[in-house]
Protein backbone atom coordinates (compact mmCIF):
# COMPACT_ATOMS: atom_id res chain seq x y z
CA MET A 1 -4.45 30.49 22.98
CA ASN A 2 -4.58 30.41 19.18
CA THR A 3 -8.36 30.24 19.03
CA PRO A 4 -10.95 32.00 21.23
CA PHE A 5 -12.14 30.18 24.32
CA PRO A 6 -15.36 28.43 23.17
CA PHE A 7 -17.59 30.10 25.72
CA ASP A 8 -16.29 33.53 24.72
CA VAL A 9 -17.83 32.87 21.32
CA ARG A 10 -21.15 31.81 22.86
CA ALA A 11 -21.26 34.83 25.18
CA ALA A 12 -20.32 37.20 22.35
CA ARG A 13 -23.31 35.97 20.35
CA LYS A 14 -25.58 37.02 23.22
CA ALA A 15 -23.81 40.41 23.43
CA GLY A 16 -24.32 41.24 19.75
CA GLY A 17 -20.84 40.13 18.76
CA ARG A 18 -19.08 42.39 21.27
CA THR A 19 -16.44 41.03 23.65
CA ASP A 20 -16.16 43.70 26.35
CA ARG A 21 -17.35 43.35 29.92
CA GLY A 22 -19.79 46.24 29.64
CA SER A 23 -21.64 44.65 26.71
CA LEU A 24 -21.67 41.30 28.51
CA ASP A 25 -23.14 42.90 31.64
CA ASP A 26 -25.89 44.56 29.58
CA SER A 27 -26.78 41.31 27.81
CA ARG A 28 -26.73 39.42 31.12
CA LEU A 29 -29.24 41.81 32.68
CA GLU A 30 -31.51 41.34 29.67
CA ALA A 31 -31.13 37.55 29.94
CA LEU A 32 -31.93 37.61 33.66
CA ARG A 33 -35.03 39.71 33.02
CA ALA A 34 -36.19 37.20 30.40
CA ALA A 35 -35.46 34.22 32.71
CA VAL A 36 -37.39 35.86 35.57
CA GLY A 37 -40.33 36.58 33.27
CA ARG A 38 -40.47 32.98 32.03
CA ALA A 39 -40.21 31.56 35.54
CA ARG A 40 -42.97 33.85 36.78
CA ARG A 41 -45.29 32.71 33.97
CA THR A 42 -44.56 28.98 33.99
CA SER A 43 -43.30 27.88 37.45
CA PRO A 44 -45.75 27.87 40.38
CA PHE A 45 -42.90 28.24 42.87
CA TYR A 46 -41.52 31.37 41.21
CA ARG A 47 -44.99 32.76 40.54
CA GLY A 48 -45.39 32.95 44.29
CA LEU A 49 -41.83 34.03 45.10
CA LEU A 50 -41.87 36.82 42.51
CA SER A 51 -45.37 38.12 43.27
CA PRO A 52 -44.06 41.13 45.27
CA PHE A 53 -41.83 42.22 42.37
CA PRO A 54 -43.09 44.34 39.44
CA GLU A 55 -43.21 43.27 35.82
CA GLY A 56 -39.89 44.01 34.13
CA PHE A 57 -37.93 42.97 37.23
CA PRO A 58 -34.96 43.23 37.56
CA ARG A 59 -34.16 46.69 36.24
CA SER A 60 -30.57 46.45 37.52
CA MET A 61 -28.16 43.87 38.86
CA GLU A 62 -28.45 45.50 42.28
CA GLU A 63 -32.22 45.05 42.18
CA TYR A 64 -31.80 41.38 41.26
CA GLY A 65 -29.68 40.99 44.40
CA GLY A 66 -32.78 41.80 46.45
CA MET A 67 -34.65 38.74 45.25
CA PRO A 68 -34.94 35.93 47.84
CA PHE A 69 -32.68 32.92 47.44
CA THR A 70 -33.86 29.50 46.32
CA SER A 71 -32.53 26.69 48.52
CA ALA A 72 -31.95 22.98 48.01
CA GLY A 73 -34.60 22.53 50.68
CA ASP A 74 -37.16 24.37 48.53
CA LEU A 75 -36.42 22.04 45.63
CA SER A 76 -36.52 18.93 47.81
CA LYS A 77 -39.76 19.92 49.52
CA ASP A 78 -41.87 20.38 46.39
CA PRO A 79 -40.07 19.73 43.10
CA MET A 80 -43.35 19.73 41.16
CA SER A 81 -43.89 23.39 42.06
CA PHE A 82 -40.71 24.21 40.09
CA LEU A 83 -41.83 22.32 36.99
CA ALA A 84 -42.31 24.88 34.23
CA VAL A 85 -43.54 22.65 31.38
CA SER A 86 -46.18 20.02 30.81
CA GLN A 87 -45.21 16.62 32.18
CA ASN A 88 -45.55 15.36 28.60
CA ASP A 89 -42.58 17.58 27.69
CA VAL A 90 -40.28 16.11 30.36
CA ALA A 91 -37.58 13.99 28.71
CA ARG A 92 -35.60 13.05 31.83
CA ILE A 93 -36.05 13.24 35.60
CA VAL A 94 -32.91 13.16 37.76
CA THR A 95 -32.99 12.50 41.49
CA ALA A 96 -30.03 13.92 43.40
CA ARG A 97 -29.37 14.06 47.11
CA SER A 98 -28.63 17.30 48.93
CA SER A 99 -24.90 17.75 49.52
CA GLY A 100 -24.35 14.68 47.33
CA THR A 101 -24.60 12.47 50.39
CA THR A 102 -27.52 11.51 52.62
CA GLY A 103 -29.74 14.59 52.43
CA THR A 104 -33.33 14.71 51.19
CA PRO A 105 -33.44 13.86 47.49
CA LYS A 106 -34.13 16.59 44.93
CA ARG A 107 -35.95 15.87 41.67
CA VAL A 108 -34.97 17.92 38.64
CA PHE A 109 -36.87 17.89 35.35
CA PHE A 110 -35.23 18.27 31.95
CA THR A 111 -36.86 18.77 28.57
CA GLU A 112 -35.31 17.58 25.33
CA GLY A 113 -34.33 21.21 24.81
CA ASP A 114 -32.47 21.20 28.14
CA LEU A 115 -30.62 18.02 27.19
CA GLU A 116 -29.71 19.45 23.81
CA LYS A 117 -28.27 22.56 25.50
CA THR A 118 -26.13 20.30 27.71
CA ARG A 119 -24.89 18.34 24.69
CA SER A 120 -24.00 21.64 23.00
CA ILE A 121 -22.10 22.85 26.07
CA PHE A 122 -20.16 19.59 26.22
CA ALA A 123 -19.39 19.62 22.49
CA GLU A 124 -18.07 23.16 22.43
CA GLY A 125 -16.35 22.96 25.80
CA MET A 126 -14.30 19.91 24.85
CA THR A 127 -12.71 21.85 21.98
CA ALA A 128 -10.82 23.80 24.66
CA LEU A 129 -9.14 20.53 25.71
CA VAL A 130 -8.41 18.67 22.48
CA PRO A 131 -8.81 19.33 18.75
CA ARG A 132 -11.68 18.00 16.70
CA GLY A 133 -11.07 14.41 15.61
CA SER A 134 -9.73 13.41 19.02
CA ARG A 135 -10.71 10.34 21.03
CA VAL A 136 -12.04 10.89 24.55
CA LEU A 137 -12.26 8.15 27.20
CA ILE A 138 -15.07 8.82 29.69
CA LEU A 139 -15.22 7.27 33.18
CA LEU A 140 -18.61 8.84 34.05
CA PRO A 141 -21.93 6.95 34.21
CA GLY A 142 -23.39 6.68 30.72
CA GLU A 143 -25.52 3.57 30.52
CA ARG A 144 -28.85 5.40 30.75
CA PRO A 145 -30.07 7.77 28.01
CA GLY A 146 -29.67 11.34 29.22
CA SER A 147 -27.07 10.46 31.88
CA VAL A 148 -23.97 12.63 32.02
CA GLY A 149 -21.75 10.16 30.18
CA ASP A 150 -24.39 9.56 27.51
CA LEU A 151 -24.84 13.31 26.99
CA LEU A 152 -21.08 13.76 26.62
CA VAL A 153 -20.72 10.92 24.10
CA ARG A 154 -23.63 12.20 22.04
CA GLY A 155 -22.45 15.79 22.32
CA LEU A 156 -18.99 14.91 21.03
CA ALA A 157 -20.25 13.06 17.95
CA PRO A 158 -19.45 13.37 15.11
CA GLU A 159 -16.59 15.85 15.67
CA MET A 160 -14.90 13.66 18.29
CA GLU A 161 -15.13 10.06 19.40
CA GLY A 162 -16.39 9.57 22.93
CA VAL A 163 -15.83 6.13 24.49
CA LEU A 164 -17.49 5.11 27.74
CA CYS A 165 -15.34 3.02 30.08
CA SER A 166 -16.82 1.07 32.97
CA CYS A 167 -13.75 -1.01 33.82
CA PRO A 168 -13.95 -2.65 37.25
CA ASP A 169 -10.60 -1.45 38.60
CA ALA A 170 -7.61 0.81 37.98
CA GLU A 171 -5.51 -1.85 36.28
CA ASP A 172 -8.20 -2.64 33.72
CA THR A 173 -8.77 1.07 33.11
CA LEU A 174 -5.09 1.71 32.43
CA ASN A 175 -4.91 -1.28 30.12
CA THR A 176 -7.92 0.13 28.26
CA ILE A 177 -6.14 3.48 27.94
CA ALA A 178 -3.08 1.72 26.53
CA ARG A 179 -5.22 -0.19 24.03
CA LEU A 180 -7.44 2.69 22.84
CA ARG A 181 -4.82 5.46 23.17
CA PRO A 182 -7.29 8.29 23.83
CA ASP A 183 -6.17 11.91 23.62
CA CYS A 184 -8.22 12.95 26.64
CA LEU A 185 -9.55 11.32 29.82
CA VAL A 186 -12.73 12.54 31.57
CA ALA A 187 -12.86 11.41 35.20
CA LEU A 188 -13.61 12.34 38.77
CA PRO A 189 -10.51 13.69 40.53
CA SER A 190 -10.26 10.63 42.81
CA GLN A 191 -10.40 8.32 39.80
CA ALA A 192 -7.69 10.26 37.96
CA LEU A 193 -5.37 10.29 40.98
CA ARG A 194 -5.81 6.56 41.54
CA LEU A 195 -4.75 5.96 37.94
CA ALA A 196 -1.91 8.50 38.04
CA ARG A 197 -0.28 6.87 41.09
CA HIS A 198 -0.89 3.25 40.10
CA SER A 199 2.14 1.09 39.30
CA LEU A 200 0.89 0.89 35.69
CA SER A 201 0.46 4.66 35.42
CA PRO A 202 2.94 5.01 32.50
CA LEU A 203 0.29 3.38 30.28
CA GLY A 204 -1.48 6.77 30.37
CA LYS A 205 1.38 8.65 28.69
CA CYS A 206 -0.71 8.91 25.51
CA LEU A 207 -3.04 11.41 27.20
CA SER A 208 -2.58 15.06 26.29
CA SER A 209 -5.31 16.35 28.62
CA VAL A 210 -7.45 15.20 31.54
CA LEU A 211 -10.79 16.76 32.49
CA LEU A 212 -11.37 16.61 36.26
CA CYS A 213 -15.09 16.96 36.90
CA SER A 214 -18.06 16.19 39.16
CA ASP A 215 -16.11 16.87 42.36
CA TYR A 216 -13.56 19.27 43.83
CA ALA A 217 -10.02 18.89 42.45
CA SER A 218 -7.22 20.35 44.58
CA ASP A 219 -4.18 22.00 43.02
CA SER A 220 -1.98 19.24 44.46
CA LEU A 221 -4.11 16.55 42.82
CA ALA A 222 -4.10 18.34 39.48
CA ALA A 223 -0.31 18.69 39.70
CA ALA A 224 0.03 14.95 40.42
CA VAL A 225 -2.05 14.09 37.34
CA ALA A 226 -0.08 16.51 35.16
CA GLY A 227 3.24 15.14 36.42
CA ALA A 228 2.30 11.50 35.91
CA TRP A 229 1.34 11.84 32.25
CA ASP A 230 2.93 15.14 31.16
CA CYS A 231 -0.56 16.33 30.25
CA THR A 232 -2.68 19.43 30.86
CA PRO A 233 -5.33 19.05 33.58
CA PHE A 234 -8.59 20.94 33.12
CA ARG A 235 -11.35 21.46 35.68
CA HIS A 236 -15.10 21.61 35.16
CA TYR A 237 -17.71 22.89 37.62
CA GLY A 238 -21.39 22.12 37.22
CA LEU A 239 -24.43 20.94 39.10
CA THR A 240 -26.92 18.21 38.37
CA GLU A 241 -29.60 20.84 38.97
CA THR A 242 -28.23 23.03 36.16
CA GLY A 243 -27.81 20.26 33.61
CA TYR A 244 -24.08 19.91 34.42
CA GLY A 245 -23.15 23.33 33.02
CA GLY A 246 -21.35 26.06 34.95
CA ALA A 247 -17.66 26.79 34.41
CA LEU A 248 -14.61 25.35 32.64
CA SER A 249 -10.90 26.04 32.93
CA CYS A 250 -8.86 27.12 29.93
CA GLY A 251 -5.59 25.43 30.92
CA GLU A 252 -3.89 28.70 31.83
CA GLY A 253 -3.64 29.97 35.39
CA GLN A 254 -6.06 29.36 38.23
CA GLY A 255 -9.83 29.08 38.21
CA MET A 256 -12.49 28.36 35.61
CA HIS A 257 -14.30 30.62 33.16
CA VAL A 258 -18.02 30.99 33.87
CA MET A 259 -20.33 29.95 31.00
CA GLU A 260 -21.94 33.38 31.10
CA ASP A 261 -24.21 32.82 28.13
CA SER A 262 -26.14 30.25 30.16
CA PHE A 263 -25.52 30.96 33.86
CA PHE A 264 -25.19 33.89 36.24
CA PHE A 265 -23.04 33.24 39.32
CA GLU A 266 -22.86 35.28 42.51
CA ILE A 267 -20.69 34.85 45.61
CA VAL A 268 -22.50 35.62 48.86
CA SER A 269 -21.76 35.45 52.56
CA PRO A 270 -23.05 32.09 53.84
CA GLY A 271 -24.27 33.80 57.02
CA THR A 272 -25.79 37.09 55.84
CA GLY A 273 -26.45 36.46 52.14
CA GLU A 274 -24.62 39.68 51.31
CA THR A 275 -23.01 39.77 47.86
CA LEU A 276 -19.23 39.63 48.16
CA PRO A 277 -16.70 41.36 45.89
CA ALA A 278 -14.17 39.58 43.67
CA GLY A 279 -11.46 37.86 45.69
CA GLU A 280 -13.61 37.15 48.76
CA GLU A 281 -14.65 33.56 49.42
CA GLY A 282 -18.27 32.67 50.05
CA GLU A 283 -21.14 30.51 48.85
CA ILE A 284 -21.77 30.14 45.12
CA VAL A 285 -25.26 31.18 44.01
CA CYS A 286 -26.40 30.19 40.51
CA SER A 287 -29.17 31.38 38.20
CA SER A 288 -29.93 29.32 35.08
CA LEU A 289 -30.67 31.66 32.18
CA ASN A 290 -32.06 29.13 29.70
CA ALA A 291 -33.54 26.23 31.71
CA GLU A 292 -36.91 24.95 30.51
CA GLY A 293 -37.93 22.09 32.83
CA THR A 294 -36.73 23.28 36.24
CA PRO A 295 -35.78 26.97 36.26
CA LEU A 296 -33.56 28.00 39.15
CA LEU A 297 -33.02 31.62 40.19
CA ARG A 298 -30.54 32.66 42.89
CA TYR A 299 -30.06 29.00 43.84
CA ARG A 300 -27.75 28.45 46.82
CA THR A 301 -25.44 25.67 45.71
CA GLY A 302 -23.80 24.88 49.06
CA ASP A 303 -20.40 25.16 47.34
CA THR A 304 -17.55 27.45 48.34
CA GLY A 305 -15.87 29.71 45.82
CA ARG A 306 -14.61 33.15 44.87
CA PHE A 307 -14.27 35.23 41.74
CA LEU A 308 -10.67 35.83 40.68
CA PRO A 309 -9.90 39.49 40.01
CA GLY A 310 -8.14 40.62 36.84
CA THR A 311 -8.05 39.13 33.37
CA CYS A 312 -6.87 35.70 32.25
CA SER A 313 -3.71 35.27 30.19
CA CYS A 314 -5.75 33.25 27.68
CA GLY A 315 -7.47 36.48 26.60
CA SER A 316 -11.01 35.46 27.60
CA PHE A 317 -13.32 38.25 28.73
CA LEU A 318 -15.37 35.87 30.90
CA ARG A 319 -15.14 35.99 34.67
CA LYS A 320 -13.07 33.31 36.39
CA ILE A 321 -14.25 31.47 39.46
CA SER A 322 -12.28 29.30 41.87
CA VAL A 323 -14.33 26.53 43.51
CA LYS A 324 -13.33 24.91 46.80
CA GLY A 325 -15.84 22.13 47.37
CA ARG A 326 -18.82 21.86 49.71
CA LEU A 327 -19.27 24.34 52.53
CA ALA A 328 -20.15 21.69 55.11
CA ASN A 329 -17.95 18.82 53.97
CA GLY A 330 -15.13 18.43 56.45
CA LEU A 331 -14.11 17.68 60.01
CA VAL A 332 -15.65 19.48 62.98
CA LEU A 333 -12.88 19.43 65.58
CA PRO A 334 -12.57 21.02 69.02
CA GLY A 335 -10.03 23.47 67.59
CA GLY A 336 -11.94 24.41 64.45
CA PHE A 337 -13.44 23.24 61.18
CA VAL A 338 -11.18 21.62 58.58
CA SER A 339 -12.67 21.37 55.11
CA LEU A 340 -12.17 18.30 52.94
CA ALA A 341 -10.72 20.67 50.34
CA ASP A 342 -7.94 21.70 52.74
CA LEU A 343 -7.27 18.06 53.63
CA ASP A 344 -7.05 17.22 49.93
CA GLU A 345 -4.62 20.03 49.26
CA VAL A 346 -2.10 18.94 51.88
CA LEU A 347 -2.48 15.16 51.66
CA PHE A 348 -2.45 14.82 47.87
CA SER A 349 0.91 16.62 47.84
CA LEU A 350 2.36 13.42 49.36
CA PRO A 351 3.88 11.74 46.29
CA TRP A 352 3.21 8.23 47.59
CA LEU A 353 -0.51 8.71 48.36
CA GLY A 354 -3.04 7.14 46.00
CA GLY A 355 -6.13 8.16 47.93
CA TYR A 356 -7.53 8.44 51.43
CA GLU A 357 -10.66 8.26 53.53
CA VAL A 358 -11.28 10.01 56.85
CA ARG A 359 -13.73 9.40 59.67
CA ILE A 360 -14.13 10.60 63.24
CA ARG A 361 -13.75 8.32 66.27
CA GLY A 362 -14.67 10.27 69.37
CA GLN A 363 -12.94 13.60 68.86
CA PHE A 364 -10.03 12.17 66.87
CA PRO A 365 -9.82 11.72 63.09
CA VAL A 366 -8.92 8.35 61.60
CA PHE A 367 -7.17 8.49 58.22
CA SER A 368 -7.10 5.44 55.96
CA LEU A 369 -4.29 5.97 53.44
CA ASP A 370 -3.65 4.08 50.22
CA VAL A 371 0.04 3.70 49.32
CA PRO A 372 0.33 2.02 45.90
CA SER A 373 4.13 1.74 46.08
CA LEU A 374 4.18 -0.55 49.11
CA PRO A 375 4.74 -4.25 48.36
CA ASP A 376 2.07 -6.86 49.06
CA GLY A 377 2.13 -8.12 52.63
CA VAL A 378 2.75 -4.73 54.31
CA VAL A 379 -0.13 -4.30 56.77
CA SER A 380 0.69 -1.03 58.55
CA LEU A 381 1.79 2.41 57.46
CA PRO A 382 5.59 2.86 57.72
CA GLU A 383 6.63 5.25 60.47
CA ASP A 384 8.29 7.71 58.11
CA PHE A 385 5.11 7.90 55.99
CA GLU A 386 3.00 8.44 59.10
CA ARG A 387 5.35 11.17 60.27
CA GLU A 388 5.28 12.87 56.84
CA ALA A 389 1.46 12.77 56.76
CA GLY A 390 1.31 14.22 60.27
CA ASN A 391 3.62 17.07 59.31
CA LYS A 392 1.38 17.91 56.35
CA LEU A 393 -1.71 17.99 58.57
CA ARG A 394 -0.13 19.89 61.48
CA PRO A 395 -0.77 23.46 60.18
CA LEU A 396 -4.52 22.88 59.68
CA PRO A 397 -6.86 24.37 62.33
CA GLY A 398 -7.39 22.12 65.32
CA LEU A 399 -5.27 19.24 64.07
CA GLU A 400 -1.92 19.95 65.74
CA LYS A 401 -3.21 19.23 69.26
CA LEU A 402 -5.08 16.14 68.05
CA LEU A 403 -2.18 14.56 66.16
CA PRO A 404 -1.00 12.45 69.13
CA GLY A 405 -4.42 10.73 69.12
CA THR A 406 -4.91 10.72 65.35
CA GLU A 407 -4.82 7.27 63.81
CA PHE A 408 -3.29 6.48 60.41
CA ARG A 409 -4.31 3.19 58.85
CA LEU A 410 -3.02 1.54 55.71
CA THR A 411 -5.69 0.65 53.19
CA SER A 412 -5.64 -0.53 49.59
CA LEU A 413 -7.64 1.28 46.94
CA GLN A 414 -5.68 -0.20 44.05
CA ASP A 415 -8.22 -2.78 42.99
CA VAL A 416 -11.43 -1.29 44.32
CA ASP A 417 -14.37 -0.48 42.07
CA MET A 418 -13.63 2.41 39.70
CA ALA A 419 -17.31 3.43 39.64
CA PRO A 420 -17.53 7.20 40.16
CA ALA A 421 -18.42 8.41 43.64
CA LYS A 422 -17.94 11.80 45.25
CA ARG A 423 -15.51 11.99 48.15
CA LEU A 424 -17.02 13.05 51.45
CA VAL A 425 -16.78 12.86 55.19
CA LEU A 426 -19.69 10.68 56.24
CA PRO A 427 -22.13 12.88 58.17
CA GLU A 428 -23.21 10.08 60.49
CA ALA A 429 -19.66 10.15 61.86
CA LEU A 430 -19.72 13.88 62.48
CA PRO A 431 -21.33 16.34 64.86
CA ARG A 432 -23.29 19.06 63.09
CA ARG A 433 -21.17 21.99 61.96
CA PRO A 434 -22.00 25.14 63.95
CA GLU A 435 -23.83 27.84 61.99
């Protein structure tokens, strides 16, 4: 890269201008100690949780690893106990459901300072995708002040032009892209794939980059988007609970660089809570270093990921993390658990697939597949397509024996609502995943 990765610059400021891992680790420990001290003073929940720990905690990263986790259940049960400011200082309250589906809602409080930090993260992060002066088309919700789309539009101004798009379907969205000729598209992965494999997909050739955010994006999906428009796909990882910040890819190699000036990530064993070394997959745990309204320390995200060992070819000194979606989102089958991330990886490699949905009927999965290339009037999936999909699924745990009873249906997603929604396996159709 010709210029430093934007979050290298931010992290270097916190490390006294130095860009080595040792200096970053020292500054991170200091930032954690400050975040713990603030939470202890201002948040009733953390005042109680931290009462056994001495002032000045943590004195080391290993000591910090002995602090109890915060769970989504804690936040859902009593969100007011997390509130660390006067209610008069709350600028926005966001209600999010656990696992992004049908769990107990969580309420998160943001001050104007929190929202300004998010706008700053968005503004600086987007410079990794496109140069200043670019136009960015945004398919995320932005009608309400403080919503993610609104924060991105306001964060981009005046250096870039952010345009919200709430087109009703893929055709209208692609026509809007052709009319406005944006340099970059910001979309959920499922939205981007639907556009990339639409019959009017060539209208998106003006795009130089696409930011895939708010949900897991498989390598096969990212490759499909890149191939359709000859553009560079980027990934972003963030949580509603953390003000949408977290990690951003640089466009080179795998994974995303952690925004280490604002967040501390750990990877732990989902079963034991033990911290795992780089390269090992586990649950992502996040600590917000600068949150004002709702501080979160050692927060179990419910997401799967791993740190990538080694250094990135872009030259960044920030750690890279690979994220693989929700821990519990997938199919519980007699022969094993198949994550939605693994299903995405194999199915989105089918060049004719525009999207899919999956449910369970009895013990057998039912796949509804969208095939944009089929002419109107075709009501069932062609046999060769069904066979190709089955061959892709065969190597996944538990699916080979179930394939004879697995149903493949043809569906049409071409003209459905383009409103953003996370992809999931509906829990009411699933048995509970074993612990």
